[in-house]
């Protein structure tokens, strides 16, 4: 499913939908679609949802929601997603996105703290902007020193709310992935309706595959 987007160079039309081969069961496949804007990563999400992307020099975001997304992304009063949604973000560590990359590294990627120290050394943001250690309550599952799956509990701040998904009575699951030497960050946040929670692991696994495999 092609998704319209907007950003630094202006609006971009939804790219033509193309087929994508994914390794999922035939029972689950009819319930999912692959969403992709012109820039950045795509994501699996429930079939029939709505999508919109943003992009800029710091990276890109793709939002998928059961409700229409009428380009409120740039409005200062936009409340974000208070219900089900999927967001995948690509954050570039060699640009202004380095601050967000450093924030996530400080939380969950201790092997890469040298990057955080280099960002702090610039003197633009203080060390206090990069709290070290996981969010209280987050459950983390490390697949490597660069890939960590997480669950942010209901009504708590955590990796899941480092996104436009606002905390509510349901947990947020996802994965954070560092790639490249810079490094760059792929960050996925997933909150699904009760009748679709079984799709969460499939969405997460596909993001892991897309981020760590070169087509």
Protein backbone atom coordinates (compact mmCIF):
# COMPACT_ATOMS: atom_id res chain seq x y z
CA UNK A 1 0.00 0.00 0.00
CA UNK A 2 1.47 3.33 -1.06
CA UNK A 3 1.32 6.16 1.49
CA UNK A 4 1.31 9.91 0.84
CA UNK A 5 3.86 11.95 2.74
CA UNK A 6 5.02 15.49 3.47
CA UNK A 7 8.29 17.00 4.58
CA UNK A 8 11.26 19.18 3.86
CA UNK A 9 10.81 19.27 0.10
CA UNK A 10 7.02 19.41 0.17
CA UNK A 11 4.22 16.85 -0.28
CA UNK A 12 4.98 13.55 -1.98
CA UNK A 13 2.34 11.39 -3.60
CA UNK A 14 1.84 7.82 -2.53
CA UNK A 15 4.15 5.54 -4.52
CA UNK A 16 2.47 2.84 -6.59
CA UNK A 17 1.69 -0.25 -4.57
CA UNK A 18 4.03 -3.09 -5.38
CA UNK A 19 4.17 -6.71 -4.28
CA UNK A 20 6.52 -7.61 -1.43
CA UNK A 21 7.40 -11.14 -0.43
CA UNK A 22 7.31 -11.67 3.34
CA UNK A 23 7.78 -14.89 5.30
CA UNK A 24 4.50 -15.16 7.20
CA UNK A 25 1.87 -17.86 7.51
CA UNK A 26 -0.91 -18.16 4.97
CA UNK A 27 -3.45 -17.82 7.80
CA UNK A 28 -2.11 -14.43 8.91
CA UNK A 29 -1.26 -13.00 5.48
CA UNK A 30 -4.83 -11.93 4.53
CA UNK A 31 -5.02 -9.80 7.68
CA UNK A 32 -1.92 -7.75 6.89
CA UNK A 33 -0.71 -5.31 4.27
CA UNK A 34 2.70 -3.74 3.69
CA UNK A 35 2.65 0.08 3.86
CA UNK A 36 5.35 2.26 2.32
CA UNK A 37 5.82 6.00 1.67
CA UNK A 38 8.28 7.48 -0.83
CA UNK A 39 11.01 7.86 1.79
CA UNK A 40 12.10 5.57 4.62
CA UNK A 41 11.12 2.13 5.84
CA UNK A 42 7.84 0.41 5.21
CA UNK A 43 5.94 -1.69 7.72
CA UNK A 44 3.40 -4.43 7.98
CA UNK A 45 0.15 -3.37 9.66
CA UNK A 46 -3.46 -4.58 9.67
CA UNK A 47 -5.02 -4.58 6.24
CA UNK A 48 -7.39 -1.72 5.49
CA UNK A 49 -5.71 0.85 7.75
CA UNK A 50 -4.68 4.37 6.73
CA UNK A 51 -1.11 5.64 6.40
CA UNK A 52 0.94 8.82 6.10
CA UNK A 53 4.66 9.56 6.08
CA UNK A 54 6.90 12.47 7.04
CA UNK A 55 10.50 13.09 6.09
CA UNK A 56 13.32 15.57 6.55
CA UNK A 57 17.05 15.89 6.94
CA UNK A 58 16.92 14.00 10.24
CA UNK A 59 15.12 10.97 8.78
CA UNK A 60 11.60 9.75 8.15
CA UNK A 61 8.47 8.45 9.88
CA UNK A 62 5.64 6.27 8.65
CA UNK A 63 2.36 6.25 10.58
CA UNK A 64 -0.39 3.65 10.10
CA UNK A 65 -3.74 3.91 11.88
CA UNK A 66 -7.25 2.46 11.64
CA UNK A 67 -8.50 6.05 11.34
CA UNK A 68 -7.74 8.50 8.52
CA UNK A 69 -4.61 10.60 9.04
CA UNK A 70 -5.50 13.98 7.55
CA UNK A 71 -1.97 15.44 7.62
CA UNK A 72 -2.10 16.74 11.21
CA UNK A 73 1.50 15.72 11.74
CA UNK A 74 2.96 19.24 11.57
CA UNK A 75 0.32 20.93 13.70
CA UNK A 76 1.59 21.89 17.16
CA UNK A 77 -1.71 20.93 18.76
CA UNK A 78 -1.82 17.42 17.30
CA UNK A 79 -2.30 14.97 20.18
CA UNK A 80 -0.70 12.01 18.45
CA UNK A 81 -2.24 8.55 18.48
CA UNK A 82 -4.28 7.79 21.57
CA UNK A 83 -5.49 4.44 20.21
CA UNK A 84 -4.13 1.68 17.99
CA UNK A 85 -1.33 2.66 15.60
CA UNK A 86 1.94 1.52 14.09
CA UNK A 87 4.90 3.88 13.65
CA UNK A 88 8.27 3.08 12.11
CA UNK A 89 10.96 5.75 12.13
CA UNK A 90 14.38 5.93 10.48
CA UNK A 91 16.59 8.40 12.35
CA UNK A 92 19.90 9.47 10.81
CA UNK A 93 22.75 9.68 13.29
CA UNK A 94 24.87 11.88 11.04
CA UNK A 95 22.34 14.74 11.01
CA UNK A 96 20.17 16.55 13.56
CA UNK A 97 18.71 13.11 14.18
CA UNK A 98 21.83 12.30 16.20
CA UNK A 99 20.20 13.65 19.36
CA UNK A 100 17.34 11.15 19.14
CA UNK A 101 19.75 8.35 18.24
CA UNK A 102 21.90 9.25 21.25
CA UNK A 103 18.84 9.30 23.52
CA UNK A 104 17.90 5.74 22.57
CA UNK A 105 21.50 4.52 22.77
CA UNK A 106 21.83 5.90 26.29
CA UNK A 107 18.71 3.99 27.28
CA UNK A 108 19.33 0.55 25.78
CA UNK A 109 22.58 0.24 23.81
CA UNK A 110 25.44 0.46 26.34
CA UNK A 111 27.97 -0.91 23.84
CA UNK A 112 27.56 2.28 21.82
CA UNK A 113 27.94 4.90 24.55
CA UNK A 114 30.89 6.44 22.70
CA UNK A 115 28.38 7.93 20.28
CA UNK A 116 26.42 9.51 23.12
CA UNK A 117 29.60 10.98 24.58
CA UNK A 118 30.50 12.48 21.21
CA UNK A 119 27.08 14.14 20.96
CA UNK A 120 27.34 15.52 24.50
CA UNK A 121 30.83 16.83 23.71
CA UNK A 122 29.34 19.10 21.03
CA UNK A 123 27.91 21.21 23.85
CA UNK A 124 24.54 21.71 22.15
CA UNK A 125 22.57 19.59 24.61
CA UNK A 126 23.63 18.78 28.18
CA UNK A 127 24.37 15.28 29.43
CA UNK A 128 21.09 15.41 31.36
CA UNK A 129 19.25 15.20 28.02
CA UNK A 130 20.48 11.62 27.65
CA UNK A 131 19.45 9.64 30.76
CA UNK A 132 21.34 6.38 31.00
CA UNK A 133 19.56 3.08 31.58
CA UNK A 134 16.20 1.58 30.58
CA UNK A 135 12.87 3.22 31.27
CA UNK A 136 11.36 1.92 34.49
CA UNK A 137 8.86 -0.80 33.61
CA UNK A 138 10.08 -1.48 30.06
CA UNK A 139 10.68 -5.16 29.36
CA UNK A 140 13.68 -5.63 27.07
CA UNK A 141 14.75 -8.63 24.99
CA UNK A 142 18.17 -8.26 23.40
CA UNK A 143 18.77 -10.06 20.12
CA UNK A 144 22.23 -8.50 19.78
CA UNK A 145 24.15 -5.43 20.89
CA UNK A 146 22.32 -3.48 18.15
CA UNK A 147 18.80 -4.97 18.28
CA UNK A 148 16.45 -4.88 21.26
CA UNK A 149 12.76 -5.76 21.36
CA UNK A 150 10.71 -4.03 24.05
CA UNK A 151 7.33 -3.79 25.71
CA UNK A 152 6.24 -0.56 27.37
CA UNK A 153 3.45 -1.30 29.88
CA UNK A 154 0.04 0.36 29.77
CA UNK A 155 -0.09 3.93 31.06
CA UNK A 156 3.69 4.28 31.30
CA UNK A 157 6.32 6.21 29.39
CA UNK A 158 9.04 4.17 27.73
CA UNK A 159 10.55 3.24 24.40
CA UNK A 160 7.02 2.82 23.06
CA UNK A 161 6.17 6.46 23.70
CA UNK A 162 9.36 7.72 22.02
CA UNK A 163 6.96 8.12 19.12
CA UNK A 164 3.58 9.66 18.38
CA UNK A 165 1.85 6.83 20.25
CA UNK A 166 0.62 8.29 23.52
CA UNK A 167 0.33 6.14 26.63
CA UNK A 168 -3.08 4.63 27.36
CA UNK A 169 -4.53 1.46 28.87
CA UNK A 170 -2.75 -0.87 26.42
CA UNK A 171 0.93 -1.77 26.15
CA UNK A 172 3.15 -0.73 23.24
CA UNK A 173 5.54 -3.25 21.71
CA UNK A 174 8.28 -2.80 19.20
CA UNK A 175 11.97 -2.91 18.43
CA UNK A 176 14.92 -0.52 18.26
CA UNK A 177 17.69 -1.30 15.80
CA UNK A 178 21.06 0.37 15.20
CA UNK A 179 22.50 0.07 11.70
CA UNK A 180 25.66 1.25 9.99
CA UNK A 181 28.80 2.85 11.35
CA UNK A 182 27.24 6.26 12.07
CA UNK A 183 24.99 4.72 13.58
CA UNK A 184 21.44 5.18 12.34
CA UNK A 185 18.32 4.07 14.19
CA UNK A 186 15.19 2.21 13.11
CA UNK A 187 12.52 2.44 15.81
CA UNK A 188 9.17 0.63 15.65
CA UNK A 189 6.20 1.20 17.97
CA UNK A 190 3.13 -1.04 17.70
CA UNK A 191 -0.18 -0.88 19.55
CA UNK A 192 -2.93 -3.07 18.12
CA UNK A 193 -6.61 -3.72 18.90
CA UNK A 194 -7.31 -6.71 21.15
CA UNK A 195 -8.44 -8.83 18.21
CA UNK A 196 -5.16 -8.19 16.37
CA UNK A 197 -2.50 -8.49 19.07
CA UNK A 198 -1.28 -11.75 17.52
CA UNK A 199 -0.05 -9.71 14.56
CA UNK A 200 2.42 -7.75 16.69
CA UNK A 201 5.26 -10.30 16.64
CA UNK A 202 4.92 -10.67 12.87
CA UNK A 203 5.18 -6.90 12.37
CA UNK A 204 8.21 -6.69 14.65
CA UNK A 205 10.01 -9.59 12.95
CA UNK A 206 9.48 -8.04 9.53
CA UNK A 207 10.95 -4.72 10.67
CA UNK A 208 13.97 -6.58 12.03
CA UNK A 209 14.40 -8.35 8.72
CA UNK A 210 14.00 -5.18 6.65
CA UNK A 211 16.49 -3.22 8.78
CA UNK A 212 19.19 -5.85 8.89
CA UNK A 213 19.03 -7.32 5.38
CA UNK A 214 20.16 -5.47 2.28
CA UNK A 215 17.87 -6.13 -0.66
